[in-house]
């Protein structure tokens, strides 16, 4: 299996943390349930925590993800990602440029980038991004900055043009994950579908069940 296919399999479901959605449960509690159900990747995302708090939480999540052979990404904060030994960082258009980050991180460090445009996707790949988060595919209340929804067709358009794996985000449910599985996207990233679920493990299993098995190619 080539490196891009291997990465695509490992990011077919990225569970993104959100303390407000998880409450009153703790982030580690919800993440542990998702990992036990087979989640292959976790992204630590919190726009309000100070660096020290993020490092403390990230250290806990790093231990959990290692125990389950899962990837850990940190949203925005390259410094925190490096401090906790995360597998990578996920950047947005307002964060450090992909090319600048690629110059200062180890070769194996993974970089994700958010875009819903083909030109931006191609530029991010050229600058050294390893995968793209694309959306919002459907309307979502989990991210204030999600923007207009692009639909499955918009996701498919970016995924078909991109030389690196693309993950759909925004309004993803188990039913909609099955729609994403019919596009060229490698998988999905979710916040509320797992963080708000009464049973995060069951929600994770439902999402994974709607996506192609990790040893089979996605629909083309």
N, C-alpha and C. Protein backbone atom coordinates (compact mmCIF):
# COMPACT_ATOMS: atom_id res chain seq x y z
N UNK A 1 0.85 -1.19 0.00
CA UNK A 1 0.00 0.00 0.00
C UNK A 1 0.88 1.24 0.00
N UNK A 2 0.61 2.18 -0.92
CA UNK A 2 1.45 3.36 -0.97
C UNK A 2 1.12 4.30 0.20
N UNK A 3 2.04 5.24 0.50
CA UNK A 3 1.84 6.10 1.69
C UNK A 3 0.54 6.89 1.68
N UNK A 4 0.11 7.38 0.51
CA UNK A 4 -1.13 8.16 0.46
C UNK A 4 -2.35 7.29 0.77
N UNK A 5 -2.38 6.07 0.24
CA UNK A 5 -3.49 5.17 0.55
C UNK A 5 -3.49 4.79 2.03
N UNK A 6 -2.29 4.61 2.58
CA UNK A 6 -2.19 4.27 4.00
C UNK A 6 -2.73 5.42 4.84
N UNK A 7 -2.36 6.65 4.49
CA UNK A 7 -2.87 7.80 5.24
C UNK A 7 -4.37 7.94 5.05
N UNK A 8 -4.87 7.74 3.83
CA UNK A 8 -6.31 7.85 3.59
C UNK A 8 -7.08 6.89 4.48
N UNK A 9 -6.55 5.69 4.67
CA UNK A 9 -7.22 4.73 5.54
C UNK A 9 -7.22 5.20 6.99
N UNK A 10 -6.14 5.84 7.40
CA UNK A 10 -6.01 6.25 8.79
C UNK A 10 -6.77 7.52 9.13
N UNK A 11 -7.24 8.23 8.09
CA UNK A 11 -8.03 9.44 8.36
C UNK A 11 -9.45 9.30 7.82
N UNK A 12 -9.92 8.08 7.61
CA UNK A 12 -11.27 7.93 7.07
C UNK A 12 -12.32 8.39 8.07
N UNK A 13 -11.94 8.45 9.35
CA UNK A 13 -12.80 9.09 10.35
C UNK A 13 -11.91 9.84 11.33
N UNK A 14 -12.04 11.17 11.35
CA UNK A 14 -11.34 12.00 12.32
C UNK A 14 -12.38 12.56 13.29
N UNK A 15 -12.24 12.22 14.55
CA UNK A 15 -13.14 12.74 15.58
C UNK A 15 -12.50 13.99 16.17
N UNK A 16 -13.21 15.11 16.06
CA UNK A 16 -12.70 16.41 16.51
C UNK A 16 -13.32 16.75 17.86
N UNK A 17 -12.49 17.17 18.79
CA UNK A 17 -12.98 17.42 20.14
C UNK A 17 -13.70 18.76 20.24
N UNK A 18 -14.66 18.81 21.17
CA UNK A 18 -15.37 20.05 21.48
C UNK A 18 -15.95 19.91 22.88
N UNK A 19 -15.41 20.68 23.81
CA UNK A 19 -15.78 20.54 25.21
C UNK A 19 -17.25 20.84 25.45
N UNK A 20 -17.79 21.86 24.79
CA UNK A 20 -19.18 22.22 24.99
C UNK A 20 -20.12 21.11 24.54
N UNK A 21 -19.79 20.47 23.42
CA UNK A 21 -20.63 19.39 22.91
C UNK A 21 -20.52 18.13 23.77
N UNK A 22 -19.34 17.89 24.33
CA UNK A 22 -19.12 16.68 25.11
C UNK A 22 -19.74 16.75 26.49
N UNK A 23 -19.84 17.96 27.05
CA UNK A 23 -20.29 18.14 28.43
C UNK A 23 -21.63 17.47 28.73
N UNK A 24 -21.78 17.01 29.96
CA UNK A 24 -20.89 17.19 31.12
C UNK A 24 -19.72 16.21 31.18
N UNK A 25 -19.60 15.36 30.15
CA UNK A 25 -18.50 14.40 30.12
C UNK A 25 -17.20 15.12 29.77
N UNK A 26 -16.08 14.54 30.16
CA UNK A 26 -14.78 15.12 29.81
C UNK A 26 -14.39 14.71 28.40
N UNK A 27 -13.51 15.51 27.79
CA UNK A 27 -12.99 15.17 26.47
C UNK A 27 -12.32 13.79 26.48
N UNK A 28 -11.43 13.49 27.44
CA UNK A 28 -10.81 12.16 27.43
C UNK A 28 -11.83 11.03 27.53
N UNK A 29 -12.92 11.25 28.26
CA UNK A 29 -13.94 10.20 28.39
C UNK A 29 -14.58 9.91 27.04
N UNK A 30 -14.96 10.95 26.30
CA UNK A 30 -15.59 10.76 25.00
C UNK A 30 -14.60 10.20 23.99
N UNK A 31 -13.39 10.73 23.99
CA UNK A 31 -12.36 10.25 23.07
C UNK A 31 -12.03 8.79 23.33
N UNK A 32 -11.94 8.40 24.58
CA UNK A 32 -11.66 7.00 24.91
C UNK A 32 -12.73 6.07 24.35
N UNK A 33 -14.00 6.48 24.46
CA UNK A 33 -15.08 5.66 23.92
C UNK A 33 -14.99 5.56 22.40
N UNK A 34 -14.66 6.68 21.75
CA UNK A 34 -14.53 6.67 20.30
C UNK A 34 -13.37 5.79 19.85
N UNK A 35 -12.25 5.89 20.54
CA UNK A 35 -11.09 5.07 20.20
C UNK A 35 -11.37 3.58 20.42
N UNK A 36 -12.05 3.27 21.49
CA UNK A 36 -12.38 1.87 21.76
C UNK A 36 -13.29 1.29 20.69
N UNK A 37 -14.08 2.16 20.04
CA UNK A 37 -14.98 1.72 18.96
C UNK A 37 -14.28 1.69 17.60
N UNK A 38 -13.01 2.09 17.58
CA UNK A 38 -12.25 1.98 16.35
C UNK A 38 -11.89 3.27 15.65
N UNK A 39 -12.15 4.43 16.25
CA UNK A 39 -11.79 5.70 15.60
C UNK A 39 -10.30 5.71 15.30
N UNK A 40 -9.91 5.93 14.04
CA UNK A 40 -8.49 5.88 13.69
C UNK A 40 -7.73 7.18 13.88
N UNK A 41 -8.46 8.29 14.13
CA UNK A 41 -7.78 9.58 14.27
C UNK A 41 -8.61 10.52 15.13
N UNK A 42 -7.91 11.32 15.93
CA UNK A 42 -8.51 12.32 16.81
C UNK A 42 -7.86 13.66 16.52
N UNK A 43 -8.66 14.73 16.51
CA UNK A 43 -8.09 16.08 16.41
C UNK A 43 -8.48 16.86 17.66
N UNK A 44 -7.47 17.37 18.36
CA UNK A 44 -7.70 18.23 19.52
C UNK A 44 -7.97 19.64 19.01
N UNK A 45 -9.18 20.13 19.28
CA UNK A 45 -9.56 21.47 18.84
C UNK A 45 -10.21 22.22 19.99
N UNK A 46 -9.63 23.34 20.36
CA UNK A 46 -10.22 24.20 21.39
C UNK A 46 -9.69 25.61 21.18
N UNK A 47 -10.57 26.53 20.85
CA UNK A 47 -10.18 27.90 20.55
C UNK A 47 -10.04 28.77 21.80
N UNK A 48 -10.40 28.23 22.97
CA UNK A 48 -10.42 29.04 24.18
C UNK A 48 -9.30 28.69 25.16
N UNK A 49 -8.77 27.50 25.11
CA UNK A 49 -7.75 27.07 26.07
C UNK A 49 -6.43 27.79 25.86
N UNK A 50 -5.74 28.04 26.95
CA UNK A 50 -4.38 28.56 26.89
C UNK A 50 -3.44 27.43 26.49
N UNK A 51 -2.23 27.81 26.08
CA UNK A 51 -1.27 26.83 25.59
C UNK A 51 -1.00 25.72 26.60
N UNK A 52 -0.82 26.12 27.86
CA UNK A 52 -0.53 25.13 28.89
C UNK A 52 -1.67 24.14 29.08
N UNK A 53 -2.89 24.64 29.01
CA UNK A 53 -4.06 23.76 29.14
C UNK A 53 -4.15 22.81 27.96
N UNK A 54 -3.86 23.32 26.77
CA UNK A 54 -3.88 22.47 25.59
C UNK A 54 -2.82 21.38 25.67
N UNK A 55 -1.64 21.73 26.16
CA UNK A 55 -0.58 20.74 26.30
C UNK A 55 -0.99 19.66 27.30
N UNK A 56 -1.60 20.06 28.41
CA UNK A 56 -2.03 19.08 29.41
C UNK A 56 -3.06 18.12 28.83
N UNK A 57 -4.06 18.66 28.13
CA UNK A 57 -5.08 17.81 27.52
C UNK A 57 -4.49 17.00 26.38
N UNK A 58 -3.65 17.63 25.58
CA UNK A 58 -3.03 16.93 24.47
C UNK A 58 -2.17 15.76 24.92
N UNK A 59 -1.50 15.90 26.05
CA UNK A 59 -0.68 14.81 26.59
C UNK A 59 -1.53 13.61 26.94
N UNK A 60 -2.70 13.87 27.52
CA UNK A 60 -3.63 12.78 27.84
C UNK A 60 -4.13 12.11 26.57
N UNK A 61 -4.51 12.92 25.59
CA UNK A 61 -5.01 12.34 24.33
C UNK A 61 -3.91 11.60 23.58
N UNK A 62 -2.67 12.08 23.70
CA UNK A 62 -1.56 11.37 23.06
C UNK A 62 -1.40 9.97 23.64
N UNK A 63 -1.55 9.84 24.94
CA UNK A 63 -1.45 8.53 25.59
C UNK A 63 -2.59 7.62 25.13
N UNK A 64 -3.79 8.18 25.04
CA UNK A 64 -4.94 7.38 24.61
C UNK A 64 -4.80 6.94 23.16
N UNK A 65 -4.40 7.85 22.29
CA UNK A 65 -4.29 7.50 20.87
C UNK A 65 -3.17 6.49 20.64
N UNK A 66 -2.07 6.63 21.34
CA UNK A 66 -0.99 5.65 21.20
C UNK A 66 -1.46 4.27 21.62
N UNK A 67 -2.23 4.20 22.69
CA UNK A 67 -2.72 2.91 23.18
C UNK A 67 -3.63 2.23 22.17
N UNK A 68 -4.27 3.01 21.30
CA UNK A 68 -5.18 2.45 20.30
C UNK A 68 -4.61 2.54 18.88
N UNK A 69 -3.32 2.85 18.77
CA UNK A 69 -2.66 2.96 17.46
C UNK A 69 -3.42 3.91 16.55
N UNK A 70 -3.84 5.04 17.10
CA UNK A 70 -4.59 6.05 16.34
C UNK A 70 -3.74 7.31 16.19
N UNK A 71 -4.07 8.11 15.19
CA UNK A 71 -3.38 9.36 14.96
C UNK A 71 -3.94 10.47 15.86
N UNK A 72 -3.07 11.40 16.23
CA UNK A 72 -3.50 12.59 16.96
C UNK A 72 -3.06 13.83 16.20
N UNK A 73 -4.02 14.70 15.90
CA UNK A 73 -3.75 16.00 15.30
C UNK A 73 -4.14 17.08 16.29
N UNK A 74 -3.49 18.23 16.19
CA UNK A 74 -3.87 19.41 16.97
C UNK A 74 -4.31 20.49 16.00
N UNK A 75 -5.44 21.10 16.26
CA UNK A 75 -5.95 22.17 15.42
C UNK A 75 -5.17 23.46 15.65
N UNK A 76 -4.69 24.08 14.58
CA UNK A 76 -4.05 25.40 14.60
C UNK A 76 -2.65 25.44 15.21
N UNK A 77 -2.48 24.83 16.39
CA UNK A 77 -1.29 25.09 17.22
C UNK A 77 -0.15 24.11 16.91
N UNK A 78 0.75 24.55 16.05
CA UNK A 78 1.92 23.73 15.72
C UNK A 78 2.78 23.51 16.97
N UNK A 79 2.93 24.55 17.78
CA UNK A 79 3.75 24.44 18.99
C UNK A 79 3.21 23.38 19.93
N UNK A 80 1.90 23.37 20.13
CA UNK A 80 1.29 22.38 21.02
C UNK A 80 1.43 20.98 20.43
N UNK A 81 1.20 20.86 19.14
CA UNK A 81 1.33 19.55 18.49
C UNK A 81 2.73 18.98 18.68
N UNK A 82 3.75 19.80 18.50
CA UNK A 82 5.12 19.33 18.67
C UNK A 82 5.40 19.02 20.15
N UNK A 83 4.87 19.83 21.04
CA UNK A 83 5.13 19.66 22.47
C UNK A 83 4.58 18.34 23.00
N UNK A 84 3.44 17.91 22.48
CA UNK A 84 2.82 16.68 23.00
C UNK A 84 3.18 15.45 22.16
N UNK A 85 3.97 15.65 21.11
CA UNK A 85 4.32 14.51 20.26
C UNK A 85 3.20 14.04 19.38
N UNK A 86 2.33 14.96 18.97
CA UNK A 86 1.21 14.60 18.09
C UNK A 86 1.75 14.18 16.72
N UNK A 87 0.89 13.50 15.96
CA UNK A 87 1.27 13.07 14.62
C UNK A 87 1.22 14.21 13.62
N UNK A 88 0.45 15.25 13.94
CA UNK A 88 0.35 16.33 12.98
C UNK A 88 -0.46 17.49 13.50
N UNK A 89 -0.68 18.46 12.60
CA UNK A 89 -1.44 19.66 12.90
C UNK A 89 -2.44 19.87 11.78
N UNK A 90 -3.55 20.52 12.12
CA UNK A 90 -4.51 20.89 11.09
C UNK A 90 -4.61 22.41 11.05
N UNK A 91 -4.34 22.98 9.87
CA UNK A 91 -4.26 24.42 9.70
C UNK A 91 -5.44 24.96 8.91
N UNK A 92 -5.80 26.21 9.19
CA UNK A 92 -6.79 26.92 8.41
C UNK A 92 -6.15 28.07 7.65
N UNK A 93 -6.92 28.75 6.81
CA UNK A 93 -6.38 29.86 6.01
C UNK A 93 -5.77 30.99 6.84
N UNK A 94 -6.20 31.14 8.09
CA UNK A 94 -5.70 32.23 8.94
C UNK A 94 -4.54 31.81 9.84
N UNK A 95 -4.13 30.55 9.73
CA UNK A 95 -3.02 30.05 10.55
C UNK A 95 -1.70 30.23 9.81
N UNK A 96 -0.63 29.71 10.40
CA UNK A 96 0.67 29.75 9.72
C UNK A 96 0.55 29.09 8.35
N UNK A 97 1.24 29.60 7.34
CA UNK A 97 1.19 28.99 6.01
C UNK A 97 1.73 27.56 6.02
N UNK A 98 1.14 26.73 5.20
CA UNK A 98 1.56 25.33 5.12
C UNK A 98 3.06 25.23 4.82
N UNK A 99 3.53 25.98 3.86
CA UNK A 99 4.94 25.90 3.47
C UNK A 99 5.87 26.27 4.61
N UNK A 100 5.48 27.26 5.42
CA UNK A 100 6.30 27.67 6.56
C UNK A 100 6.35 26.58 7.61
N UNK A 101 5.20 25.95 7.86
CA UNK A 101 5.16 24.86 8.84
C UNK A 101 5.97 23.68 8.36
N UNK A 102 5.85 23.35 7.08
CA UNK A 102 6.59 22.20 6.55
C UNK A 102 8.10 22.37 6.75
N UNK A 103 8.58 23.60 6.70
CA UNK A 103 10.02 23.84 6.85
C UNK A 103 10.51 23.61 8.28
N UNK A 104 9.62 23.68 9.27
CA UNK A 104 10.09 23.63 10.66
C UNK A 104 9.70 22.35 11.40
N UNK A 105 8.98 21.44 10.74
CA UNK A 105 8.55 20.22 11.42
C UNK A 105 9.32 19.03 10.86
N UNK A 106 9.35 17.92 11.60
CA UNK A 106 10.03 16.72 11.11
C UNK A 106 9.38 16.20 9.83
N UNK A 107 10.12 15.47 9.01
CA UNK A 107 9.59 14.99 7.73
C UNK A 107 8.32 14.16 7.86
N UNK A 108 8.22 13.37 8.94
CA UNK A 108 7.07 12.48 9.10
C UNK A 108 5.85 13.19 9.69
N UNK A 109 5.99 14.44 10.11
CA UNK A 109 4.91 15.20 10.72
C UNK A 109 3.85 15.50 9.65
N UNK A 110 2.58 15.23 9.98
CA UNK A 110 1.49 15.39 9.03
C UNK A 110 0.86 16.77 9.13
N UNK A 111 0.52 17.33 7.98
CA UNK A 111 -0.11 18.64 7.94
C UNK A 111 -1.42 18.55 7.18
N UNK A 112 -2.51 18.94 7.84
CA UNK A 112 -3.80 19.04 7.18
C UNK A 112 -4.13 20.51 6.95
N UNK A 113 -4.96 20.77 5.95
CA UNK A 113 -5.32 22.15 5.64
C UNK A 113 -6.79 22.21 5.23
N UNK A 114 -7.49 23.25 5.68
CA UNK A 114 -8.91 23.40 5.39
C UNK A 114 -9.14 24.27 4.17
N UNK A 115 -9.89 23.77 3.20
CA UNK A 115 -10.28 24.56 2.04
C UNK A 115 -11.46 23.90 1.36
N UNK A 116 -12.26 24.70 0.65
CA UNK A 116 -13.32 24.13 -0.17
C UNK A 116 -13.14 24.51 -1.63
N UNK A 117 -11.92 24.98 -1.97
CA UNK A 117 -11.65 25.39 -3.34
C UNK A 117 -10.56 24.56 -4.00
N UNK A 118 -10.70 24.32 -5.28
CA UNK A 118 -9.73 23.50 -6.01
C UNK A 118 -8.37 24.16 -6.06
N UNK A 119 -8.32 25.45 -6.39
CA UNK A 119 -7.03 26.15 -6.50
C UNK A 119 -6.28 26.12 -5.18
N UNK A 120 -7.00 26.37 -4.08
CA UNK A 120 -6.37 26.36 -2.77
C UNK A 120 -5.90 24.96 -2.39
N UNK A 121 -6.67 23.95 -2.80
CA UNK A 121 -6.29 22.56 -2.52
C UNK A 121 -4.98 22.22 -3.22
N UNK A 122 -4.87 22.60 -4.48
CA UNK A 122 -3.66 22.31 -5.25
C UNK A 122 -2.46 23.05 -4.66
N UNK A 123 -2.67 24.31 -4.25
CA UNK A 123 -1.57 25.07 -3.66
C UNK A 123 -1.13 24.46 -2.34
N UNK A 124 -2.08 24.05 -1.50
CA UNK A 124 -1.73 23.46 -0.21
C UNK A 124 -0.93 22.18 -0.42
N UNK A 125 -1.34 21.36 -1.38
CA UNK A 125 -0.60 20.13 -1.67
C UNK A 125 0.81 20.45 -2.14
N UNK A 126 0.95 21.46 -3.00
CA UNK A 126 2.26 21.86 -3.49
C UNK A 126 3.15 22.40 -2.37
N UNK A 127 2.52 23.02 -1.36
CA UNK A 127 3.26 23.60 -0.25
C UNK A 127 3.66 22.58 0.81
N UNK A 128 3.13 21.35 0.68
CA UNK A 128 3.53 20.31 1.61
C UNK A 128 2.45 19.74 2.50
N UNK A 129 1.18 20.09 2.27
CA UNK A 129 0.10 19.49 3.04
C UNK A 129 -0.02 18.00 2.71
N UNK A 130 -0.44 17.22 3.68
CA UNK A 130 -0.61 15.77 3.50
C UNK A 130 -2.05 15.37 3.23
N UNK A 131 -2.99 16.18 3.73
CA UNK A 131 -4.41 15.92 3.50
C UNK A 131 -5.17 17.23 3.62
N UNK A 132 -6.42 17.21 3.16
CA UNK A 132 -7.27 18.40 3.20
C UNK A 132 -8.56 18.10 3.94
N UNK A 133 -9.04 19.08 4.70
CA UNK A 133 -10.38 19.05 5.26
C UNK A 133 -11.25 19.96 4.41
N UNK A 134 -12.33 19.45 3.88
CA UNK A 134 -13.12 20.20 2.90
C UNK A 134 -14.57 20.31 3.36
N UNK A 135 -15.09 21.53 3.37
CA UNK A 135 -16.46 21.74 3.78
C UNK A 135 -16.68 23.22 4.11
N UNK A 136 -17.82 23.53 4.68
CA UNK A 136 -18.78 22.59 5.22
C UNK A 136 -19.55 21.89 4.09
N UNK A 137 -19.61 20.55 4.19
CA UNK A 137 -20.34 19.79 3.18
C UNK A 137 -21.84 20.06 3.34
N UNK A 138 -22.31 19.98 4.58
CA UNK A 138 -23.69 20.35 4.91
C UNK A 138 -23.66 21.39 6.03
N UNK A 139 -24.76 22.05 6.25
CA UNK A 139 -24.82 23.05 7.30
C UNK A 139 -24.52 22.41 8.66
N UNK A 140 -23.80 23.16 9.49
CA UNK A 140 -23.41 22.65 10.79
C UNK A 140 -23.47 23.75 11.83
N UNK A 141 -23.81 23.37 13.04
CA UNK A 141 -23.80 24.32 14.14
C UNK A 141 -22.58 24.17 15.02
N UNK A 142 -21.67 23.25 14.65
CA UNK A 142 -20.52 22.97 15.49
C UNK A 142 -19.37 23.94 15.30
N UNK A 143 -19.33 24.62 14.14
CA UNK A 143 -18.25 25.56 13.86
C UNK A 143 -18.82 26.87 13.38
N UNK A 144 -18.51 27.95 14.11
CA UNK A 144 -19.02 29.26 13.75
C UNK A 144 -18.45 29.77 12.42
N UNK A 145 -17.25 29.27 12.06
CA UNK A 145 -16.58 29.74 10.87
C UNK A 145 -16.69 28.77 9.70
N UNK A 146 -17.72 27.92 9.72
CA UNK A 146 -17.81 26.86 8.72
C UNK A 146 -18.10 27.38 7.31
N UNK A 147 -18.78 28.51 7.20
CA UNK A 147 -19.08 29.06 5.88
C UNK A 147 -20.26 28.38 5.21
N UNK A 148 -20.47 28.71 3.94
CA UNK A 148 -21.58 28.13 3.18
C UNK A 148 -21.32 26.66 2.89
N UNK A 149 -22.40 25.88 2.86
CA UNK A 149 -22.25 24.45 2.56
C UNK A 149 -22.01 24.25 1.07
N UNK A 150 -21.19 23.24 0.75
CA UNK A 150 -20.83 22.98 -0.64
C UNK A 150 -21.48 21.71 -1.18
N UNK A 151 -22.09 20.90 -0.30
CA UNK A 151 -22.74 19.69 -0.74
C UNK A 151 -21.74 18.60 -1.12
N UNK A 152 -22.27 17.40 -1.32
CA UNK A 152 -21.41 16.27 -1.69
C UNK A 152 -20.76 16.49 -3.04
N UNK A 153 -21.45 17.18 -3.94
CA UNK A 153 -20.87 17.45 -5.26
C UNK A 153 -19.65 18.35 -5.15
N UNK A 154 -19.74 19.38 -4.30
CA UNK A 154 -18.60 20.27 -4.10
C UNK A 154 -17.42 19.53 -3.48
N UNK A 155 -17.70 18.66 -2.52
CA UNK A 155 -16.65 17.85 -1.92
C UNK A 155 -16.00 16.95 -2.97
N UNK A 156 -16.81 16.33 -3.78
CA UNK A 156 -16.29 15.42 -4.80
C UNK A 156 -15.42 16.16 -5.80
N UNK A 157 -15.82 17.38 -6.14
CA UNK A 157 -15.05 18.17 -7.10
C UNK A 157 -13.63 18.44 -6.57
N UNK A 158 -13.53 18.83 -5.31
CA UNK A 158 -12.22 19.08 -4.73
C UNK A 158 -11.42 17.79 -4.61
N UNK A 159 -12.08 16.72 -4.17
CA UNK A 159 -11.39 15.45 -3.97
C UNK A 159 -10.85 14.89 -5.29
N UNK A 160 -11.59 15.07 -6.37
CA UNK A 160 -11.14 14.57 -7.67
C UNK A 160 -9.95 15.37 -8.20
N UNK A 161 -9.87 16.64 -7.85
CA UNK A 161 -8.77 17.48 -8.32
C UNK A 161 -7.53 17.35 -7.45
N UNK A 162 -7.71 16.96 -6.19
CA UNK A 162 -6.60 16.97 -5.24
C UNK A 162 -5.67 15.77 -5.40
N UNK A 163 -4.35 16.01 -5.34
CA UNK A 163 -3.40 14.89 -5.37
C UNK A 163 -3.17 14.26 -4.01
N UNK A 164 -3.79 14.81 -2.96
CA UNK A 164 -3.67 14.27 -1.61
C UNK A 164 -5.06 13.96 -1.08
N UNK A 165 -5.17 13.09 -0.06
CA UNK A 165 -6.49 12.70 0.46
C UNK A 165 -7.30 13.88 0.96
N UNK A 166 -8.61 13.80 0.77
CA UNK A 166 -9.54 14.85 1.18
C UNK A 166 -10.58 14.25 2.13
N UNK A 167 -10.84 14.94 3.22
CA UNK A 167 -11.82 14.51 4.21
C UNK A 167 -12.94 15.53 4.26
N UNK A 168 -14.18 15.07 4.17
CA UNK A 168 -15.33 15.96 4.24
C UNK A 168 -15.69 16.29 5.67
N UNK A 169 -16.06 17.55 5.92
CA UNK A 169 -16.46 17.97 7.26
C UNK A 169 -17.65 18.90 7.15
N UNK A 170 -18.51 18.85 8.17
CA UNK A 170 -19.66 19.75 8.21
C UNK A 170 -20.97 19.01 8.08
N UNK A 171 -21.71 18.90 9.18
CA UNK A 171 -23.02 18.28 9.15
C UNK A 171 -23.01 16.79 8.88
N UNK A 172 -21.91 16.14 9.19
CA UNK A 172 -21.79 14.70 8.88
C UNK A 172 -22.53 13.87 9.91
N UNK A 173 -23.38 12.97 9.42
CA UNK A 173 -24.03 11.94 10.22
C UNK A 173 -23.67 10.59 9.61
N UNK A 174 -24.12 9.51 10.23
CA UNK A 174 -23.85 8.19 9.66
C UNK A 174 -24.47 8.06 8.27
N UNK A 175 -25.69 8.57 8.10
CA UNK A 175 -26.34 8.51 6.79
C UNK A 175 -25.57 9.33 5.77
N UNK A 176 -25.12 10.50 6.16
CA UNK A 176 -24.39 11.35 5.24
C UNK A 176 -22.97 10.83 4.99
N UNK A 177 -22.41 10.10 5.95
CA UNK A 177 -21.10 9.49 5.73
C UNK A 177 -21.17 8.51 4.58
N UNK A 178 -22.30 7.84 4.46
CA UNK A 178 -22.48 6.91 3.33
C UNK A 178 -22.50 7.66 2.01
N UNK A 179 -23.05 8.87 2.01
CA UNK A 179 -23.04 9.70 0.79
C UNK A 179 -21.61 10.12 0.46
N UNK A 180 -20.85 10.51 1.48
CA UNK A 180 -19.45 10.87 1.27
C UNK A 180 -18.66 9.69 0.72
N UNK A 181 -18.99 8.48 1.19
CA UNK A 181 -18.27 7.29 0.74
C UNK A 181 -18.44 7.05 -0.76
N UNK A 182 -19.48 7.63 -1.35
CA UNK A 182 -19.71 7.48 -2.79
C UNK A 182 -18.96 8.53 -3.61
N UNK A 183 -18.22 9.42 -2.94
CA UNK A 183 -17.42 10.44 -3.63
C UNK A 183 -15.96 10.00 -3.63
N UNK A 184 -15.09 10.87 -4.14
CA UNK A 184 -13.67 10.57 -4.14
C UNK A 184 -13.01 10.90 -2.80
N UNK A 185 -13.77 11.43 -1.85
CA UNK A 185 -13.19 11.77 -0.55
C UNK A 185 -12.71 10.52 0.17
N UNK A 186 -11.66 10.69 0.97
CA UNK A 186 -11.08 9.57 1.71
C UNK A 186 -11.88 9.22 2.96
N UNK A 187 -12.65 10.20 3.47
CA UNK A 187 -13.38 9.94 4.70
C UNK A 187 -14.06 11.20 5.21
N UNK A 188 -14.33 11.22 6.51
CA UNK A 188 -15.05 12.34 7.11
C UNK A 188 -14.40 12.76 8.42
N UNK A 189 -14.63 14.00 8.79
CA UNK A 189 -14.27 14.51 10.11
C UNK A 189 -15.55 14.99 10.78
N UNK A 190 -15.72 14.67 12.05
CA UNK A 190 -16.97 14.99 12.74
C UNK A 190 -16.68 15.62 14.09
N UNK A 191 -17.59 16.47 14.50
CA UNK A 191 -17.57 17.02 15.86
C UNK A 191 -18.81 16.52 16.61
N UNK A 192 -19.95 17.13 16.29
CA UNK A 192 -21.17 16.83 17.02
C UNK A 192 -21.64 15.39 16.92
N UNK A 193 -21.40 14.73 15.80
CA UNK A 193 -21.89 13.37 15.60
C UNK A 193 -21.36 12.41 16.66
N UNK A 194 -20.18 12.71 17.20
CA UNK A 194 -19.61 11.87 18.27
C UNK A 194 -19.62 12.61 19.60
N UNK A 195 -19.21 13.88 19.60
CA UNK A 195 -19.10 14.61 20.85
C UNK A 195 -20.45 14.79 21.55
N UNK A 196 -21.52 14.95 20.76
CA UNK A 196 -22.84 15.14 21.36
C UNK A 196 -23.60 13.84 21.57
N UNK A 197 -23.08 12.75 21.05
CA UNK A 197 -23.81 11.48 21.09
C UNK A 197 -23.97 10.96 22.52
N UNK A 198 -25.14 10.40 22.80
CA UNK A 198 -25.36 9.80 24.11
C UNK A 198 -24.42 8.63 24.33
N UNK A 199 -24.10 7.92 23.24
CA UNK A 199 -23.18 6.79 23.28
C UNK A 199 -22.11 7.05 22.21
N UNK A 200 -21.01 7.70 22.56
CA UNK A 200 -19.99 8.04 21.57
C UNK A 200 -19.39 6.83 20.86
N UNK A 201 -19.27 5.74 21.58
CA UNK A 201 -18.73 4.53 20.96
C UNK A 201 -19.65 3.99 19.89
N UNK A 202 -20.93 3.95 20.19
CA UNK A 202 -21.90 3.47 19.20
C UNK A 202 -21.97 4.42 18.01
N UNK A 203 -21.91 5.72 18.26
CA UNK A 203 -21.93 6.69 17.17
C UNK A 203 -20.71 6.51 16.27
N UNK A 204 -19.56 6.29 16.88
CA UNK A 204 -18.33 6.06 16.10
C UNK A 204 -18.46 4.81 15.26
N UNK A 205 -18.97 3.74 15.83
CA UNK A 205 -19.13 2.50 15.09
C UNK A 205 -20.09 2.68 13.92
N UNK A 206 -21.15 3.46 14.11
CA UNK A 206 -22.12 3.71 13.03
C UNK A 206 -21.47 4.47 11.88
N UNK A 207 -20.66 5.46 12.22
CA UNK A 207 -19.95 6.23 11.19
C UNK A 207 -18.98 5.33 10.42
N UNK A 208 -18.22 4.53 11.14
CA UNK A 208 -17.27 3.64 10.48
C UNK A 208 -17.98 2.62 9.61
N UNK A 209 -19.15 2.18 10.06
CA UNK A 209 -19.91 1.22 9.28
C UNK A 209 -20.42 1.79 7.97
N UNK A 210 -20.56 3.11 7.91
CA UNK A 210 -21.04 3.75 6.70
C UNK A 210 -19.93 4.04 5.71
N UNK A 211 -18.68 3.89 6.16
CA UNK A 211 -17.52 4.18 5.32
C UNK A 211 -16.90 2.88 4.83
N UNK A 212 -16.16 2.93 3.72
CA UNK A 212 -15.54 1.71 3.20
C UNK A 212 -14.59 1.11 4.22
N UNK A 213 -14.54 -0.20 4.34
CA UNK A 213 -13.55 -0.83 5.23
C UNK A 213 -12.15 -0.35 4.89
N UNK A 214 -11.30 -0.31 5.89
CA UNK A 214 -9.97 0.27 5.69
C UNK A 214 -9.10 -0.50 4.71
N UNK A 215 -9.47 -1.75 4.40
CA UNK A 215 -8.66 -2.53 3.47
C UNK A 215 -9.26 -2.54 2.06
N UNK A 216 -10.27 -1.68 1.83
CA UNK A 216 -10.87 -1.59 0.51
C UNK A 216 -10.84 -0.15 0.03
N UNK A 217 -10.69 0.06 -1.27
CA UNK A 217 -10.70 1.43 -1.78
C UNK A 217 -12.07 2.05 -1.69
N UNK A 218 -12.12 3.36 -1.53
CA UNK A 218 -13.39 4.08 -1.54
C UNK A 218 -13.96 4.07 -2.95
N UNK A 219 -15.25 4.41 -3.08
CA UNK A 219 -15.90 4.45 -4.37
C UNK A 219 -15.22 5.47 -5.27
N UNK A 220 -15.14 5.17 -6.57
CA UNK A 220 -14.50 6.07 -7.51
C UNK A 220 -15.41 6.34 -8.71
